[in-house]
Amino acid sequence: MAYETLAVERRGPVGWLEFDRPRAGNAMDAVMMAELPLAWRELDADDDVRCIVVTGRGRAFQTGLDMAALARDPASLRESSRRTRAGELELTGWHLGVRTPVVAAVNGVCAGGGLHFVVDADIVLASASATFLDPHVSVGQVSAWEAIGLVRRISATAAARLALIGVHERLDAARAYQLGLVGEVVEPDALRDAAQRVAETVAAADPAHARALKQALWRAQELGRTAARTEAHVEAARAEAHVEAARTQARPEAARAEAGPSDAIRSQGASPHADGEIHP
């Protein structure tokens, strides 16, 4: 499918989704907001795509809403405001329930709503020239979604500082790495190759396993660790591939446990319960 504001392509098992409004700092106008759900779903539905890289063309990564463009289109501005108030954003893979792992490659300025694409990615790389800021409060707006998303990545103190100081607080790539917002910083001309390398490594895993792990990690943030761990273990135990791996990949104790509690298990203080499971 052809897009007006995005560039979508495949490089082996990796799908690339690139913001393509460089003259506008890759800011989101009504067209881009309409195209983003289509592009995410196209890549997520492609069985040959096992990891998605999201990045920007030009000097900016993503700078949030293009308020000047939306001001010229009152209907789109009203719809954008309504979706935000209703919590119906459809911009990032997380908003849309994308199952495929996502790598964000931050190539330049990431501002305002652009932060969604960073905090909603599974892995984040940044160019050494990248910067991060949240200007909402400086222009009379409330940064709720972005600030809350930041708390998933960095401390509440650091997130509050970004949100409350606005345009006067910018994180460079080194500081973003220190805070945990970014997992790897590379030289600007090495970013795309680094993102492809990381994405290909992710893509080498069994896609069902990668998607299940991604879901478990995100559910941990939504449900809390205890509930998410329980849910993930139950789902893993039901998966035929997981059971087969337990049999064949250096886990002979798993196969032995199926036959009943052994002396070795008992010696470790474990006992069989009425539900048939072995608990410590």
Protein backbone atom coordinates (compact mmCIF):
# COMPACT_ATOMS: atom_id res chain seq x y z
CA MET A 1 0.00 0.00 0.00
CA ALA A 2 1.22 3.50 -0.83
CA TYR A 3 1.26 6.16 1.88
CA GLU A 4 1.49 9.93 1.67
CA THR A 5 3.18 10.67 5.00
CA LEU A 6 4.87 7.36 5.82
CA ALA A 7 7.42 5.12 4.14
CA VAL A 8 6.82 1.41 4.69
CA GLU A 9 9.17 -1.28 3.42
CA ARG A 10 10.55 -4.73 4.22
CA ARG A 11 14.20 -5.59 4.63
CA GLY A 12 14.34 -9.32 5.04
CA PRO A 13 12.33 -10.25 8.15
CA VAL A 14 12.24 -6.63 9.33
CA GLY A 15 9.51 -4.14 8.49
CA TRP A 16 10.40 -0.45 8.51
CA LEU A 17 7.83 2.24 9.30
CA GLU A 18 9.26 5.71 8.75
CA PHE A 19 7.69 9.10 9.39
CA ASP A 20 8.08 10.96 6.11
CA ARG A 21 7.28 14.64 6.65
CA PRO A 22 10.84 15.88 7.17
CA ARG A 23 10.05 19.51 6.33
CA ALA A 24 7.50 19.53 9.16
CA GLY A 25 9.77 17.75 11.63
CA ASN A 26 7.76 14.58 10.93
CA ALA A 27 4.90 16.07 12.94
CA MET A 28 1.54 14.34 12.69
CA ASP A 29 -1.13 15.94 10.53
CA ALA A 30 -4.58 14.48 9.87
CA VAL A 31 -3.27 12.35 7.00
CA MET A 32 -0.49 10.77 9.06
CA MET A 33 -2.86 10.04 11.94
CA ALA A 34 -5.16 8.25 9.50
CA GLU A 35 -2.31 6.34 7.87
CA LEU A 36 -0.54 5.15 11.02
CA PRO A 37 -3.13 2.50 11.99
CA LEU A 38 -3.12 1.17 8.43
CA ALA A 39 0.67 0.91 8.30
CA TRP A 40 0.99 -0.77 11.69
CA ARG A 41 -1.70 -3.30 10.82
CA GLU A 42 -0.20 -4.00 7.41
CA LEU A 43 3.17 -4.91 8.92
CA ASP A 44 1.71 -6.79 11.87
CA ALA A 45 -0.42 -8.94 9.56
CA ASP A 46 2.56 -9.90 7.39
CA ASP A 47 3.84 -13.30 8.57
CA ASP A 48 7.21 -12.60 6.96
CA VAL A 49 7.73 -9.54 9.18
CA ARG A 50 9.05 -10.64 12.56
CA CYS A 51 10.17 -7.27 13.91
CA ILE A 52 9.22 -3.66 13.11
CA VAL A 53 11.55 -0.65 13.21
CA VAL A 54 9.96 2.78 13.59
CA THR A 55 12.08 5.83 12.78
CA GLY A 56 11.98 9.22 11.07
CA ARG A 57 13.36 10.64 7.85
CA GLY A 58 15.41 13.80 7.92
CA ARG A 59 16.68 15.48 11.07
CA ALA A 60 13.70 14.75 13.33
CA PHE A 61 12.32 11.52 14.70
CA GLN A 62 8.80 12.66 15.54
CA THR A 63 7.63 16.01 16.97
CA GLY A 64 4.02 15.34 17.91
CA LEU A 65 0.93 16.97 16.48
CA ASP A 66 1.29 19.47 13.66
CA MET A 67 -0.90 22.10 15.29
CA ALA A 68 -0.49 24.54 12.40
CA ALA A 69 -1.80 21.98 9.91
CA LEU A 70 -4.61 20.88 12.22
CA ALA A 71 -5.62 24.50 12.80
CA ARG A 72 -6.31 24.73 9.07
CA ASP A 73 -8.51 21.63 9.36
CA PRO A 74 -10.92 22.27 12.28
CA ALA A 75 -12.77 18.97 11.84
CA SER A 76 -9.57 16.95 12.18
CA LEU A 77 -8.49 19.02 15.17
CA ARG A 78 -11.80 18.36 16.91
CA GLU A 79 -11.54 14.64 16.16
CA SER A 80 -7.97 14.51 17.47
CA SER A 81 -9.05 16.25 20.67
CA ARG A 82 -12.02 13.91 21.08
CA ARG A 83 -9.86 10.80 20.67
CA THR A 84 -7.35 12.08 23.19
CA ARG A 85 -10.04 12.85 25.77
CA ALA A 86 -11.66 9.45 25.20
CA GLY A 87 -8.37 7.57 25.38
CA GLU A 88 -8.82 6.30 21.82
CA LEU A 89 -5.40 7.06 20.40
CA GLU A 90 -4.37 4.89 17.44
CA LEU A 91 -0.84 6.07 16.81
CA THR A 92 1.59 3.48 18.13
CA GLY A 93 1.86 -0.26 17.98
CA TRP A 94 0.86 -0.46 21.63
CA HIS A 95 -2.29 1.60 21.01
CA LEU A 96 -3.26 -0.85 18.26
CA GLY A 97 -2.34 -4.10 19.98
CA VAL A 98 0.47 -4.90 17.54
CA ARG A 99 1.88 -8.33 18.40
CA THR A 100 5.15 -8.01 16.48
CA PRO A 101 8.13 -6.71 18.52
CA VAL A 102 8.90 -3.04 17.84
CA VAL A 103 12.28 -1.29 17.80
CA ALA A 104 12.32 2.52 17.92
CA ALA A 105 15.35 4.11 16.24
CA VAL A 106 15.38 7.74 17.39
CA ASN A 107 17.31 9.64 14.75
CA GLY A 108 16.82 13.22 15.95
CA VAL A 109 14.40 15.41 17.87
CA CYS A 110 11.64 13.54 19.70
CA ALA A 111 9.12 15.97 21.15
CA GLY A 112 5.64 15.91 22.66
CA GLY A 113 3.50 13.21 21.11
CA GLY A 114 6.62 11.73 19.55
CA LEU A 115 7.40 10.33 22.98
CA HIS A 116 4.52 7.88 22.52
CA PHE A 117 6.54 6.00 19.92
CA VAL A 118 9.51 5.70 22.27
CA VAL A 119 7.75 4.62 25.45
CA ASP A 120 5.50 2.23 23.50
CA ALA A 121 8.39 0.45 21.75
CA ASP A 122 9.90 -2.77 23.05
CA ILE A 123 13.52 -1.79 22.36
CA VAL A 124 14.85 1.75 21.88
CA LEU A 125 18.03 2.86 20.11
CA ALA A 126 19.06 6.47 19.64
CA SER A 127 21.48 8.46 17.58
CA ALA A 128 24.06 10.34 19.64
CA SER A 129 22.47 13.51 18.25
CA ALA A 130 18.93 12.65 19.42
CA THR A 131 17.12 14.87 21.93
CA PHE A 132 13.95 14.37 23.94
CA LEU A 133 11.54 16.97 25.32
CA ASP A 134 7.90 17.43 26.29
CA PRO A 135 6.76 20.98 25.45
CA HIS A 136 3.07 20.63 26.39
CA VAL A 137 3.09 22.72 29.56
CA SER A 138 5.02 25.50 27.81
CA VAL A 139 2.24 25.93 25.24
CA GLY A 140 -0.64 25.69 27.69
CA GLN A 141 -1.42 22.00 27.30
CA VAL A 142 -1.47 19.09 29.73
CA SER A 143 1.02 16.28 29.17
CA ALA A 144 -0.92 13.38 30.61
CA TRP A 145 -0.50 10.48 28.19
CA GLU A 146 3.15 11.22 27.47
CA ALA A 147 4.15 11.76 31.11
CA ILE A 148 2.37 8.62 32.27
CA GLY A 149 4.03 6.65 29.50
CA LEU A 150 7.42 8.01 30.53
CA VAL A 151 6.94 6.62 34.05
CA ARG A 152 7.02 3.15 32.49
CA ARG A 153 10.55 3.87 31.31
CA ILE A 154 12.15 6.30 33.73
CA SER A 155 11.65 7.44 37.30
CA ALA A 156 8.62 9.50 38.27
CA THR A 157 10.98 12.30 39.30
CA ALA A 158 12.64 12.44 35.88
CA ALA A 159 9.27 12.21 34.10
CA ALA A 160 7.85 15.04 36.21
CA ARG A 161 10.86 17.20 35.47
CA LEU A 162 10.41 16.75 31.71
CA ALA A 163 6.66 17.38 31.90
CA LEU A 164 6.71 20.38 34.26
CA ILE A 165 9.73 22.25 32.89
CA GLY A 166 8.62 21.82 29.29
CA VAL A 167 10.75 23.34 26.54
CA HIS A 168 13.41 24.31 29.07
CA GLU A 169 14.29 20.68 29.81
CA ARG A 170 15.86 18.57 27.08
CA LEU A 171 17.45 15.17 27.41
CA ASP A 172 20.35 14.40 25.14
CA ALA A 173 20.95 10.81 24.11
CA ALA A 174 23.55 10.18 26.81
CA ARG A 175 21.22 11.35 29.57
CA ALA A 176 18.31 9.39 28.09
CA TYR A 177 20.52 6.30 28.22
CA GLN A 178 21.44 6.97 31.86
CA LEU A 179 17.75 7.26 32.77
CA GLY A 180 16.81 4.06 30.96
CA LEU A 181 14.69 5.70 28.27
CA VAL A 182 17.11 4.42 25.63
CA GLY A 183 18.87 1.06 25.58
CA GLU A 184 21.68 1.83 23.13
CA VAL A 185 23.28 4.98 21.70
CA VAL A 186 25.17 4.90 18.40
CA GLU A 187 26.72 7.41 16.05
CA PRO A 188 24.20 9.07 13.71
CA ASP A 189 25.45 7.37 10.55
CA ALA A 190 25.34 3.96 12.26
CA LEU A 191 21.77 4.13 13.58
CA ARG A 192 19.93 2.47 10.72
CA ASP A 193 22.39 -0.42 10.49
CA ALA A 194 22.29 -0.87 14.26
CA ALA A 195 18.49 -0.91 14.26
CA GLN A 196 18.43 -3.47 11.44
CA ARG A 197 20.95 -5.63 13.32
CA VAL A 198 18.94 -5.59 16.54
CA ALA A 199 15.69 -6.21 14.68
CA GLU A 200 17.17 -9.15 12.77
CA THR A 201 18.35 -10.64 16.07
CA VAL A 202 14.83 -10.35 17.46
CA ALA A 203 13.40 -11.75 14.22
CA ALA A 204 15.58 -14.85 14.51
CA ALA A 205 13.51 -16.06 17.46
CA ASP A 206 10.40 -18.16 17.00
CA PRO A 207 7.69 -15.54 16.26
CA ALA A 208 5.13 -17.16 18.54
CA HIS A 209 7.58 -17.13 21.43
CA ALA A 210 8.64 -13.53 20.77
CA ARG A 211 5.04 -12.37 20.64
CA ALA A 212 4.16 -14.24 23.83
CA LEU A 213 7.13 -12.73 25.64
CA LYS A 214 6.25 -9.24 24.40
CA GLN A 215 2.69 -9.70 25.64
CA ALA A 216 3.87 -10.93 29.04
CA LEU A 217 6.20 -7.95 29.49
CA TRP A 218 3.50 -5.44 28.62
CA ARG A 219 0.91 -7.22 30.74
CA ALA A 220 3.33 -6.97 33.65
CA GLN A 221 3.10 -3.21 33.40
CA GLU A 222 -0.68 -3.26 33.19
CA LEU A 223 -1.50 -5.94 35.78
CA GLY A 224 1.46 -5.81 38.11
CA ARG A 225 4.25 -8.34 38.20
CA THR A 226 2.56 -11.04 40.29
CA ALA A 227 -0.57 -11.35 38.16
CA ALA A 228 1.40 -11.12 34.92
CA ARG A 229 3.85 -13.81 35.98
CA THR A 230 1.01 -16.14 36.86
CA GLU A 231 -0.74 -15.49 33.55
CA ALA A 232 2.47 -15.92 31.55
CA HIS A 233 3.36 -19.20 33.25
CA VAL A 234 -0.12 -20.60 32.65
CA GLU A 235 -0.03 -19.66 28.96
CA ALA A 236 3.50 -21.02 28.55
CA ALA A 237 2.57 -24.30 30.21
CA ARG A 238 -0.27 -24.72 27.73
CA ALA A 239 1.93 -24.11 24.70
CA GLU A 240 2.95 -27.31 22.92
CA ALA A 241 6.19 -25.73 21.71
CA HIS A 242 7.12 -24.79 25.27
CA VAL A 243 6.55 -28.36 26.47
CA GLU A 244 8.59 -29.79 23.61
CA ALA A 245 11.44 -27.38 24.35
CA ALA A 246 11.38 -28.49 27.95
CA ARG A 247 11.78 -32.09 26.80
CA THR A 248 14.63 -31.53 24.38
CA GLN A 249 16.67 -28.48 25.37
CA ALA A 250 18.79 -29.45 28.34
CA ARG A 251 15.86 -29.73 30.73
CA PRO A 252 15.62 -33.45 31.49
CA GLU A 253 14.21 -32.69 34.92
CA ALA A 254 11.08 -31.33 33.24
CA ALA A 255 10.43 -34.63 31.51
CA ARG A 256 11.12 -36.56 34.69
CA ALA A 257 8.62 -34.43 36.58
CA GLU A 258 5.84 -35.57 34.24
CA ALA A 259 6.26 -39.14 35.47
CA GLY A 260 5.80 -38.13 39.09
CA PRO A 261 7.87 -36.72 41.94
CA SER A 262 11.32 -38.25 42.11
CA ASP A 263 13.61 -38.68 45.07
CA ALA A 264 15.59 -35.74 43.76
CA ILE A 265 12.51 -33.52 43.84
CA ARG A 266 11.61 -34.64 47.34
CA SER A 267 15.15 -34.04 48.51
CA GLN A 268 14.79 -30.41 47.42
CA GLY A 269 11.78 -29.92 49.63
CA ALA A 270 9.09 -30.16 46.94
CA SER A 271 5.94 -32.23 47.16
CA PRO A 272 3.06 -33.16 44.87
CA HIS A 273 -0.20 -31.33 45.44
CA ALA A 274 -3.75 -32.40 44.71
CA ASP A 275 -3.77 -30.40 41.49
CA GLY A 276 -1.06 -32.65 40.09
CA GLU A 277 1.56 -29.89 40.05
CA ILE A 278 4.86 -29.90 41.90
CA HIS A 279 5.20 -26.93 44.25
CA PRO A 280 8.10 -26.01 46.54
